[in-house]
PDB file of N, CA and C in Angstrom:
ATOM      1  N   UNK A   1     -40.403 -44.445 -12.403  1.00  0.00           N
ATOM      2  CA  UNK A   1     -39.649 -43.503 -13.199  1.00  0.00           C
ATOM      3  C   UNK A   1     -38.232 -43.402 -12.658  1.00  0.00           C
ATOM      4  N   UNK A   2     -37.289 -43.587 -13.505  1.00  0.00           N
ATOM      5  CA  UNK A   2     -35.896 -43.514 -13.077  1.00  0.00           C
ATOM      6  C   UNK A   2     -35.339 -42.112 -13.310  1.00  0.00           C
ATOM      7  N   UNK A   3     -34.372 -41.677 -12.505  1.00  0.00           N
ATOM      8  CA  UNK A   3     -33.828 -40.328 -12.673  1.00  0.00           C
ATOM      9  C   UNK A   3     -33.099 -40.185 -14.004  1.00  0.00           C
ATOM     10  N   UNK A   4     -33.248 -39.022 -14.583  1.00  0.00           N
ATOM     11  CA  UNK A   4     -32.637 -38.750 -15.875  1.00  0.00           C
ATOM     12  C   UNK A   4     -31.233 -38.206 -15.646  1.00  0.00           C
ATOM     13  N   UNK A   5     -30.269 -38.758 -16.357  1.00  0.00           N
ATOM     14  CA  UNK A   5     -28.887 -38.298 -16.243  1.00  0.00           C
ATOM     15  C   UNK A   5     -28.734 -37.028 -17.072  1.00  0.00           C
ATOM     16  N   UNK A   6     -28.426 -35.931 -16.400  1.00  0.00           N
ATOM     17  CA  UNK A   6     -28.289 -34.659 -17.107  1.00  0.00           C
ATOM     18  C   UNK A   6     -26.826 -34.423 -17.477  1.00  0.00           C
ATOM     19  N   UNK A   7     -26.633 -33.878 -18.650  1.00  0.00           N
ATOM     20  CA  UNK A   7     -25.274 -33.547 -19.073  1.00  0.00           C
ATOM     21  C   UNK A   7     -24.938 -32.151 -18.573  1.00  0.00           C
ATOM     22  N   UNK A   8     -23.663 -31.914 -18.350  1.00  0.00           N
ATOM     23  CA  UNK A   8     -23.216 -30.602 -17.878  1.00  0.00           C
ATOM     24  C   UNK A   8     -23.388 -29.570 -19.001  1.00  0.00           C
ATOM     25  N   UNK A   9     -24.039 -28.473 -18.651  1.00  0.00           N
ATOM     26  CA  UNK A   9     -24.204 -27.401 -19.633  1.00  0.00           C
ATOM     27  C   UNK A   9     -23.006 -26.470 -19.557  1.00  0.00           C
ATOM     28  N   UNK A  10     -22.698 -25.880 -20.658  1.00  0.00           N
ATOM     29  CA  UNK A  10     -21.616 -24.919 -20.706  1.00  0.00           C
ATOM     30  C   UNK A  10     -22.189 -23.548 -20.345  1.00  0.00           C
ATOM     31  N   UNK A  11     -21.628 -22.926 -19.337  1.00  0.00           N
ATOM     32  CA  UNK A  11     -22.107 -21.612 -18.896  1.00  0.00           C
ATOM     33  C   UNK A  11     -21.202 -20.556 -19.503  1.00  0.00           C
ATOM     34  N   UNK A  12     -21.782 -19.658 -20.266  1.00  0.00           N
ATOM     35  CA  UNK A  12     -21.005 -18.596 -20.898  1.00  0.00           C
ATOM     36  C   UNK A  12     -21.461 -17.243 -20.389  1.00  0.00           C
ATOM     37  N   UNK A  13     -20.577 -16.270 -20.516  1.00  0.00           N
ATOM     38  CA  UNK A  13     -20.922 -14.895 -20.148  1.00  0.00           C
ATOM     39  C   UNK A  13     -20.406 -13.937 -21.207  1.00  0.00           C
ATOM     40  N   UNK A  14     -20.975 -12.762 -21.210  1.00  0.00           N
ATOM     41  CA  UNK A  14     -20.614 -11.729 -22.177  1.00  0.00           C
ATOM     42  C   UNK A  14     -20.615 -10.390 -21.452  1.00  0.00           C
ATOM     43  N   UNK A  15     -19.430  -9.808 -21.255  1.00  0.00           N
ATOM     44  CA  UNK A  15     -19.296  -8.508 -20.609  1.00  0.00           C
ATOM     45  C   UNK A  15     -18.597  -7.578 -21.580  1.00  0.00           C
ATOM     46  N   UNK A  16     -19.331  -6.584 -22.064  1.00  0.00           N
ATOM     47  CA  UNK A  16     -18.755  -5.689 -23.058  1.00  0.00           C
ATOM     48  C   UNK A  16     -18.405  -6.472 -24.303  1.00  0.00           C
ATOM     49  N   UNK A  17     -17.134  -6.390 -24.713  1.00  0.00           N
ATOM     50  CA  UNK A  17     -16.706  -7.149 -25.884  1.00  0.00           C
ATOM     51  C   UNK A  17     -16.059  -8.478 -25.499  1.00  0.00           C
ATOM     52  N   UNK A  18     -15.954  -8.732 -24.207  1.00  0.00           N
ATOM     53  CA  UNK A  18     -15.332  -9.987 -23.767  1.00  0.00           C
ATOM     54  C   UNK A  18     -16.372 -11.088 -23.603  1.00  0.00           C
ATOM     55  N   UNK A  19     -15.989 -12.264 -24.001  1.00  0.00           N
ATOM     56  CA  UNK A  19     -16.811 -13.439 -23.809  1.00  0.00           C
ATOM     57  C   UNK A  19     -15.970 -14.490 -23.112  1.00  0.00           C
ATOM     58  N   UNK A  20     -16.630 -15.313 -22.355  1.00  0.00           N
ATOM     59  CA  UNK A  20     -15.891 -16.355 -21.654  1.00  0.00           C
ATOM     60  C   UNK A  20     -16.791 -17.484 -21.249  1.00  0.00           C
ATOM     61  N   UNK A  21     -16.151 -18.509 -20.685  1.00  0.00           N
ATOM     62  CA  UNK A  21     -16.888 -19.678 -20.201  1.00  0.00           C
ATOM     63  C   UNK A  21     -16.599 -19.843 -18.726  1.00  0.00           C
ATOM     64  N   UNK A  22     -17.611 -20.255 -17.993  1.00  0.00           N
ATOM     65  CA  UNK A  22     -17.462 -20.545 -16.576  1.00  0.00           C
ATOM     66  C   UNK A  22     -17.414 -22.053 -16.438  1.00  0.00           C
ATOM     67  N   UNK A  23     -16.342 -22.524 -15.806  1.00  0.00           N
ATOM     68  CA  UNK A  23     -16.217 -23.956 -15.591  1.00  0.00           C
ATOM     69  C   UNK A  23     -16.438 -24.254 -14.112  1.00  0.00           C
ATOM     70  N   UNK A  24     -16.991 -25.411 -13.842  1.00  0.00           N
ATOM     71  CA  UNK A  24     -17.237 -25.828 -12.473  1.00  0.00           C
ATOM     72  C   UNK A  24     -15.974 -26.440 -11.893  1.00  0.00           C
ATOM     73  N   UNK A  25     -15.771 -26.268 -10.584  1.00  0.00           N
ATOM     74  CA  UNK A  25     -14.622 -26.854  -9.905  1.00  0.00           C
ATOM     75  C   UNK A  25     -14.940 -28.302  -9.527  1.00  0.00           C
ATOM     76  N   UNK A  26     -14.729 -29.180 -10.464  1.00  0.00           N
ATOM     77  CA  UNK A  26     -15.009 -30.594 -10.194  1.00  0.00           C
ATOM     78  C   UNK A  26     -13.737 -31.237  -9.666  1.00  0.00           C
ATOM     79  N   UNK A  27     -13.770 -31.549  -8.367  1.00  0.00           N
ATOM     80  CA  UNK A  27     -12.616 -32.180  -7.752  1.00  0.00           C
ATOM     81  C   UNK A  27     -11.552 -31.208  -7.288  1.00  0.00           C
ATOM     82  N   UNK A  28     -11.681 -29.929  -7.604  1.00  0.00           N
ATOM     83  CA  UNK A  28     -10.696 -28.947  -7.168  1.00  0.00           C
ATOM     84  C   UNK A  28     -11.132 -28.365  -5.817  1.00  0.00           C
ATOM     85  N   UNK A  29     -10.184 -28.062  -4.948  1.00  0.00           N
ATOM     86  CA  UNK A  29     -10.553 -27.494  -3.648  1.00  0.00           C
ATOM     87  C   UNK A  29     -11.028 -26.044  -3.796  1.00  0.00           C
ATOM     88  N   UNK A  30     -11.924 -25.625  -2.914  1.00  0.00           N
ATOM     89  CA  UNK A  30     -12.410 -24.258  -2.937  1.00  0.00           C
ATOM     90  C   UNK A  30     -11.394 -23.343  -2.283  1.00  0.00           C
ATOM     91  N   UNK A  31     -11.612 -22.039  -2.382  1.00  0.00           N
ATOM     92  CA  UNK A  31     -10.659 -21.082  -1.835  1.00  0.00           C
ATOM     93  C   UNK A  31     -10.594 -21.175  -0.310  1.00  0.00           C
ATOM     94  N   UNK A  32     -11.723 -21.480   0.344  1.00  0.00           N
ATOM     95  CA  UNK A  32     -11.702 -21.632   1.796  1.00  0.00           C
ATOM     96  C   UNK A  32     -10.846 -22.818   2.202  1.00  0.00           C
ATOM     97  N   UNK A  33     -10.966 -23.912   1.469  1.00  0.00           N
ATOM     98  CA  UNK A  33     -10.170 -25.085   1.775  1.00  0.00           C
ATOM     99  C   UNK A  33      -8.689 -24.812   1.554  1.00  0.00           C
ATOM    100  N   UNK A  34      -8.355 -24.073   0.509  1.00  0.00           N
ATOM    101  CA  UNK A  34      -6.959 -23.734   0.261  1.00  0.00           C
ATOM    102  C   UNK A  34      -6.409 -22.841   1.361  1.00  0.00           C
ATOM    103  N   UNK A  35      -7.202 -21.892   1.824  1.00  0.00           N
ATOM    104  CA  UNK A  35      -6.745 -21.005   2.891  1.00  0.00           C
ATOM    105  C   UNK A  35      -6.499 -21.768   4.173  1.00  0.00           C
ATOM    106  N   UNK A  36      -7.320 -22.760   4.453  1.00  0.00           N
ATOM    107  CA  UNK A  36      -7.136 -23.573   5.664  1.00  0.00           C
ATOM    108  C   UNK A  36      -5.879 -24.427   5.551  1.00  0.00           C
ATOM    109  N   UNK A  37      -5.621 -24.997   4.378  1.00  0.00           N
ATOM    110  CA  UNK A  37      -4.463 -25.863   4.229  1.00  0.00           C
ATOM    111  C   UNK A  37      -3.168 -25.066   4.168  1.00  0.00           C
ATOM    112  N   UNK A  38      -3.206 -23.828   3.682  1.00  0.00           N
ATOM    113  CA  UNK A  38      -2.010 -23.012   3.600  1.00  0.00           C
ATOM    114  C   UNK A  38      -1.757 -22.225   4.874  1.00  0.00           C
ATOM    115  N   UNK A  39      -2.631 -22.352   5.856  1.00  0.00           N
ATOM    116  CA  UNK A  39      -2.405 -21.724   7.144  1.00  0.00           C
ATOM    117  C   UNK A  39      -2.713 -20.243   7.137  1.00  0.00           C
ATOM    118  N   UNK A  40      -3.842 -19.844   6.651  1.00  0.00           N
ATOM    119  CA  UNK A  40      -4.212 -18.439   6.639  1.00  0.00           C
ATOM    120  C   UNK A  40      -4.849 -18.011   7.934  1.00  0.00           C
ATOM    121  N   UNK A  41      -4.134 -18.131   9.034  1.00  0.00           N
ATOM    122  CA  UNK A  41      -4.698 -17.750  10.319  1.00  0.00           C
ATOM    123  C   UNK A  41      -3.759 -16.777  11.024  1.00  0.00           C
ATOM    124  N   UNK A  42      -4.251 -16.166  12.086  1.00  0.00           N
ATOM    125  CA  UNK A  42      -3.491 -15.169  12.839  1.00  0.00           C
ATOM    126  C   UNK A  42      -2.301 -15.776  13.561  1.00  0.00           C
ATOM    127  N   UNK A  43      -2.335 -17.049  13.873  1.00  0.00           N
ATOM    128  CA  UNK A  43      -1.251 -17.659  14.632  1.00  0.00           C
ATOM    129  C   UNK A  43       0.032 -17.746  13.818  1.00  0.00           C
ATOM    130  N   UNK A  44      -0.068 -17.759  12.495  1.00  0.00           N
ATOM    131  CA  UNK A  44       1.124 -17.910  11.658  1.00  0.00           C
ATOM    132  C   UNK A  44       1.794 -16.596  11.332  1.00  0.00           C
ATOM    133  N   UNK A  45       1.224 -15.466  11.730  1.00  0.00           N
ATOM    134  CA  UNK A  45       1.811 -14.167  11.443  1.00  0.00           C
ATOM    135  C   UNK A  45       2.907 -13.887  12.449  1.00  0.00           C
ATOM    136  N   UNK A  46       4.107 -13.474  11.997  1.00  0.00           N
ATOM    137  CA  UNK A  46       5.191 -13.207  12.950  1.00  0.00           C
ATOM    138  C   UNK A  46       4.866 -11.996  13.820  1.00  0.00           C
ATOM    139  N   UNK A  47       5.420 -11.986  15.019  1.00  0.00           N
ATOM    140  CA  UNK A  47       5.145 -10.918  15.979  1.00  0.00           C
ATOM    141  C   UNK A  47       6.002  -9.675  15.755  1.00  0.00           C
ATOM    142  N   UNK A  48       7.028  -9.758  14.931  1.00  0.00           N
ATOM    143  CA  UNK A  48       7.893  -8.599  14.743  1.00  0.00           C
ATOM    144  C   UNK A  48       7.576  -7.917  13.411  1.00  0.00           C
ATOM    145  N   UNK A  49       8.051  -6.702  13.266  1.00  0.00           N
ATOM    146  CA  UNK A  49       7.886  -5.958  12.023  1.00  0.00           C
ATOM    147  C   UNK A  49       6.485  -5.382  11.867  1.00  0.00           C
ATOM    148  N   UNK A  50       6.152  -5.076  10.635  1.00  0.00           N
ATOM    149  CA  UNK A  50       4.876  -4.440  10.321  1.00  0.00           C
ATOM    150  C   UNK A  50       3.704  -5.365  10.624  1.00  0.00           C
ATOM    151  N   UNK A  51       3.877  -6.657  10.381  1.00  0.00           N
ATOM    152  CA  UNK A  51       2.782  -7.593  10.622  1.00  0.00           C
ATOM    153  C   UNK A  51       2.461  -7.694  12.103  1.00  0.00           C
ATOM    154  N   UNK A  52       3.484  -7.676  12.931  1.00  0.00           N
ATOM    155  CA  UNK A  52       3.257  -7.714  14.366  1.00  0.00           C
ATOM    156  C   UNK A  52       2.585  -6.445  14.861  1.00  0.00           C
ATOM    157  N   UNK A  53       3.007  -5.300  14.319  1.00  0.00           N
ATOM    158  CA  UNK A  53       2.372  -4.021  14.660  1.00  0.00           C
ATOM    159  C   UNK A  53       0.913  -4.032  14.262  1.00  0.00           C
ATOM    160  N   UNK A  54       0.648  -4.536  13.074  1.00  0.00           N
ATOM    161  CA  UNK A  54      -0.727  -4.638  12.585  1.00  0.00           C
ATOM    162  C   UNK A  54      -1.553  -5.534  13.489  1.00  0.00           C
ATOM    163  N   UNK A  55      -0.986  -6.659  13.884  1.00  0.00           N
ATOM    164  CA  UNK A  55      -1.715  -7.614  14.717  1.00  0.00           C
ATOM    165  C   UNK A  55      -1.951  -7.072  16.119  1.00  0.00           C
ATOM    166  N   UNK A  56      -0.958  -6.375  16.678  1.00  0.00           N
ATOM    167  CA  UNK A  56      -1.071  -5.890  18.054  1.00  0.00           C
ATOM    168  C   UNK A  56      -1.962  -4.665  18.182  1.00  0.00           C
ATOM    169  N   UNK A  57      -1.885  -3.718  17.263  1.00  0.00           N
ATOM    170  CA  UNK A  57      -2.562  -2.447  17.459  1.00  0.00           C
ATOM    171  C   UNK A  57      -3.754  -2.201  16.537  1.00  0.00           C
ATOM    172  N   UNK A  58      -3.636  -2.522  15.286  1.00  0.00           N
ATOM    173  CA  UNK A  58      -4.698  -2.181  14.335  1.00  0.00           C
ATOM    174  C   UNK A  58      -5.891  -3.114  14.488  1.00  0.00           C
ATOM    175  N   UNK A  59      -5.654  -4.410  14.646  1.00  0.00           N
ATOM    176  CA  UNK A  59      -6.738  -5.380  14.634  1.00  0.00           C
ATOM    177  C   UNK A  59      -7.170  -5.830  16.027  1.00  0.00           C
ATOM    178  N   UNK A  60      -6.835  -5.064  17.048  1.00  0.00           N
ATOM    179  CA  UNK A  60      -7.286  -5.459  18.379  1.00  0.00           C
ATOM    180  C   UNK A  60      -8.742  -5.040  18.579  1.00  0.00           C
ATOM    181  N   UNK A  61      -9.384  -5.650  19.532  1.00  0.00           N
ATOM    182  CA  UNK A  61     -10.795  -5.339  19.759  1.00  0.00           C
ATOM    183  C   UNK A  61     -10.923  -3.978  20.445  1.00  0.00           C
ATOM    184  N   UNK A  62     -11.960  -3.279  20.130  1.00  0.00           N
ATOM    185  CA  UNK A  62     -12.179  -1.956  20.700  1.00  0.00           C
ATOM    186  C   UNK A  62     -12.952  -2.068  21.993  1.00  0.00           C
ATOM    187  N   UNK A  63     -12.785  -1.061  22.823  1.00  0.00           N
ATOM    188  CA  UNK A  63     -13.545  -1.026  24.060  1.00  0.00           C
ATOM    189  C   UNK A  63     -14.962  -0.566  23.801  1.00  0.00           C
ATOM    190  N   UNK A  64     -15.836  -0.881  24.705  1.00  0.00           N
ATOM    191  CA  UNK A  64     -17.212  -0.444  24.537  1.00  0.00           C
ATOM    192  C   UNK A  64     -17.434   0.833  25.318  1.00  0.00           C
ATOM    193  N   UNK A  65     -18.233   1.708  24.768  1.00  0.00           N
ATOM    194  CA  UNK A  65     -18.556   2.972  25.394  1.00  0.00           C
ATOM    195  C   UNK A  65     -19.983   2.967  25.884  1.00  0.00           C
ATOM    196  N   UNK A  66     -20.202   3.722  26.903  1.00  0.00           N
ATOM    197  CA  UNK A  66     -21.557   3.918  27.396  1.00  0.00           C
ATOM    198  C   UNK A  66     -22.366   4.614  26.293  1.00  0.00           C
ATOM    199  N   UNK A  67     -23.617   4.250  26.103  1.00  0.00           N
ATOM    200  CA  UNK A  67     -24.404   4.834  25.013  1.00  0.00           C
ATOM    201  C   UNK A  67     -24.604   6.331  25.219  1.00  0.00           C
ATOM    202  N   UNK A  68     -24.589   6.789  26.447  1.00  0.00           N
ATOM    203  CA  UNK A  68     -24.751   8.221  26.728  1.00  0.00           C
ATOM    204  C   UNK A  68     -23.518   9.005  26.265  1.00  0.00           C
ATOM    205  N   UNK A  69     -22.338   8.468  26.542  1.00  0.00           N
ATOM    206  CA  UNK A  69     -21.090   9.112  26.117  1.00  0.00           C
ATOM    207  C   UNK A  69     -21.000   9.094  24.598  1.00  0.00           C
ATOM    208  N   UNK A  70     -21.347   7.991  23.997  1.00  0.00           N
ATOM    209  CA  UNK A  70     -21.307   7.887  22.543  1.00  0.00           C
ATOM    210  C   UNK A  70     -22.257   8.888  21.903  1.00  0.00           C
ATOM    211  N   UNK A  71     -23.437   9.047  22.460  1.00  0.00           N
ATOM    212  CA  UNK A  71     -24.396  10.020  21.918  1.00  0.00           C
ATOM    213  C   UNK A  71     -23.840  11.431  22.022  1.00  0.00           C
ATOM    214  N   UNK A  72     -23.188  11.764  23.140  1.00  0.00           N
ATOM    215  CA  UNK A  72     -22.611  13.096  23.309  1.00  0.00           C
ATOM    216  C   UNK A  72     -21.491  13.340  22.310  1.00  0.00           C
ATOM    217  N   UNK A  73     -20.643  12.367  22.141  1.00  0.00           N
ATOM    218  CA  UNK A  73     -19.521  12.519  21.203  1.00  0.00           C
ATOM    219  C   UNK A  73     -20.038  12.679  19.777  1.00  0.00           C
ATOM    220  N   UNK A  74     -21.002  11.859  19.396  1.00  0.00           N
ATOM    221  CA  UNK A  74     -21.518  11.934  18.032  1.00  0.00           C
ATOM    222  C   UNK A  74     -22.327  13.200  17.775  1.00  0.00           C
ATOM    223  N   UNK A  75     -22.897  13.794  18.793  1.00  0.00           N
ATOM    224  CA  UNK A  75     -23.631  15.037  18.579  1.00  0.00           C
ATOM    225  C   UNK A  75     -22.705  16.245  18.582  1.00  0.00           C
ATOM    226  N   UNK A  76     -21.602  16.192  19.313  1.00  0.00           N
ATOM    227  CA  UNK A  76     -20.671  17.320  19.373  1.00  0.00           C
ATOM    228  C   UNK A  76     -19.715  17.316  18.191  1.00  0.00           C
ATOM    229  N   UNK A  77     -19.385  16.171  17.656  1.00  0.00           N
ATOM    230  CA  UNK A  77     -18.412  16.067  16.575  1.00  0.00           C
ATOM    231  C   UNK A  77     -18.762  16.908  15.345  1.00  0.00           C
ATOM    232  N   UNK A  78     -19.990  16.875  14.799  1.00  0.00           N
ATOM    233  CA  UNK A  78     -20.291  17.719  13.638  1.00  0.00           C
ATOM    234  C   UNK A  78     -20.188  19.212  13.945  1.00  0.00           C
ATOM    235  N   UNK A  79     -20.596  19.611  15.138  1.00  0.00           N
ATOM    236  CA  UNK A  79     -20.490  21.020  15.517  1.00  0.00           C
ATOM    237  C   UNK A  79     -19.028  21.438  15.581  1.00  0.00           C
ATOM    238  N   UNK A  80     -18.201  20.592  16.143  1.00  0.00           N
ATOM    239  CA  UNK A  80     -16.780  20.876  16.256  1.00  0.00           C
ATOM    240  C   UNK A  80     -16.125  20.968  14.877  1.00  0.00           C
ATOM    241  N   UNK A  81     -16.455  20.077  13.988  1.00  0.00           N
ATOM    242  CA  UNK A  81     -15.896  20.105  12.627  1.00  0.00           C
ATOM    243  C   UNK A  81     -16.361  21.352  11.875  1.00  0.00           C
ATOM    244  N   UNK A  82     -17.622  21.739  12.043  1.00  0.00           N
ATOM    245  CA  UNK A  82     -18.121  22.941  11.383  1.00  0.00           C
ATOM    246  C   UNK A  82     -17.392  24.168  11.911  1.00  0.00           C
ATOM    247  N   UNK A  83     -17.199  24.260  13.218  1.00  0.00           N
ATOM    248  CA  UNK A  83     -16.475  25.406  13.807  1.00  0.00           C
ATOM    249  C   UNK A  83     -15.038  25.436  13.319  1.00  0.00           C
ATOM    250  N   UNK A  84     -14.404  24.291  13.214  1.00  0.00           N
ATOM    251  CA  UNK A  84     -13.041  24.229  12.707  1.00  0.00           C
ATOM    252  C   UNK A  84     -12.987  24.690  11.255  1.00  0.00           C
ATOM    253  N   UNK A  85     -13.956  24.310  10.455  1.00  0.00           N
ATOM    254  CA  UNK A  85     -14.002  24.743   9.048  1.00  0.00           C
ATOM    255  C   UNK A  85     -14.160  26.258   8.962  1.00  0.00           C
ATOM    256  N   UNK A  86     -15.055  26.836   9.771  1.00  0.00           N
ATOM    257  CA  UNK A  86     -15.208  28.300   9.773  1.00  0.00           C
ATOM    258  C   UNK A  86     -13.924  28.991  10.185  1.00  0.00           C
ATOM    259  N   UNK A  87     -13.241  28.461  11.191  1.00  0.00           N
ATOM    260  CA  UNK A  87     -11.998  29.059  11.643  1.00  0.00           C
ATOM    261  C   UNK A  87     -10.937  29.007  10.543  1.00  0.00           C
ATOM    262  N   UNK A  88     -10.875  27.882   9.810  1.00  0.00           N
ATOM    263  CA  UNK A  88      -9.904  27.769   8.715  1.00  0.00           C
ATOM    264  C   UNK A  88     -10.217  28.755   7.593  1.00  0.00           C
ATOM    265  N   UNK A  89     -11.476  28.921   7.249  1.00  0.00           N
ATOM    266  CA  UNK A  89     -11.862  29.901   6.216  1.00  0.00           C
ATOM    267  C   UNK A  89     -11.502  31.300   6.672  1.00  0.00           C
ATOM    268  N   UNK A  90     -11.742  31.613   7.930  1.00  0.00           N
ATOM    269  CA  UNK A  90     -11.390  32.931   8.482  1.00  0.00           C
ATOM    270  C   UNK A  90      -9.879  33.146   8.403  1.00  0.00           C
ATOM    271  N   UNK A  91      -9.084  32.137   8.771  1.00  0.00           N
ATOM    272  CA  UNK A  91      -7.624  32.261   8.729  1.00  0.00           C
ATOM    273  C   UNK A  91      -7.147  32.449   7.303  1.00  0.00           C
ATOM    274  N   UNK A  92      -7.765  31.788   6.347  1.00  0.00           N
ATOM    275  CA  UNK A  92      -7.371  31.971   4.953  1.00  0.00           C
ATOM    276  C   UNK A  92      -7.802  33.336   4.416  1.00  0.00           C
ATOM    277  N   UNK A  93      -8.892  33.878   4.917  1.00  0.00           N
ATOM    278  CA  UNK A  93      -9.415  35.164   4.436  1.00  0.00           C
ATOM    279  C   UNK A  93      -8.544  36.325   4.882  1.00  0.00           C
ATOM    280  N   UNK A  94      -7.895  36.216   6.027  1.00  0.00           N
ATOM    281  CA  UNK A  94      -7.105  37.337   6.516  1.00  0.00           C
ATOM    282  C   UNK A  94      -5.632  37.242   6.115  1.00  0.00           C
ATOM    283  N   UNK A  95      -5.293  36.302   5.253  1.00  0.00           N
ATOM    284  CA  UNK A  95      -3.912  36.177   4.795  1.00  0.00           C
ATOM    285  C   UNK A  95      -3.548  37.381   3.944  1.00  0.00           C
ATOM    286  N   UNK A  96      -2.345  37.944   4.137  1.00  0.00           N
ATOM    287  CA  UNK A  96      -1.927  39.090   3.283  1.00  0.00           C
ATOM    288  C   UNK A  96      -1.611  38.600   1.876  1.00  0.00           C
ATOM    289  N   UNK A  97      -1.785  39.482   0.928  1.00  0.00           N
ATOM    290  CA  UNK A  97      -1.530  39.154  -0.476  1.00  0.00           C
ATOM    291  C   UNK A  97      -0.098  39.056  -0.712  1.00  0.00           C
TER     292      UNK A  97
END
């Protein structure tokens, strides 16, 4: 038995009142390949300006905390926020008209 040559089917979709066709990327590069060829890496970002600030401070790795300290912080945080909310309501309640 020889393999049967299948023809490409047309894939369509229907969302609301819109209809469309999905075409396959035959011979076209994928988005990952395009990102690699266009240099989408951290080394190409300039060190000055907003991009440098973003690279240096926002996207740096975080330190690890002891699980005991983390548990204490996570258990105290809701209590602290609740107390702050009560204090704010109290401050708003005693405002003069």
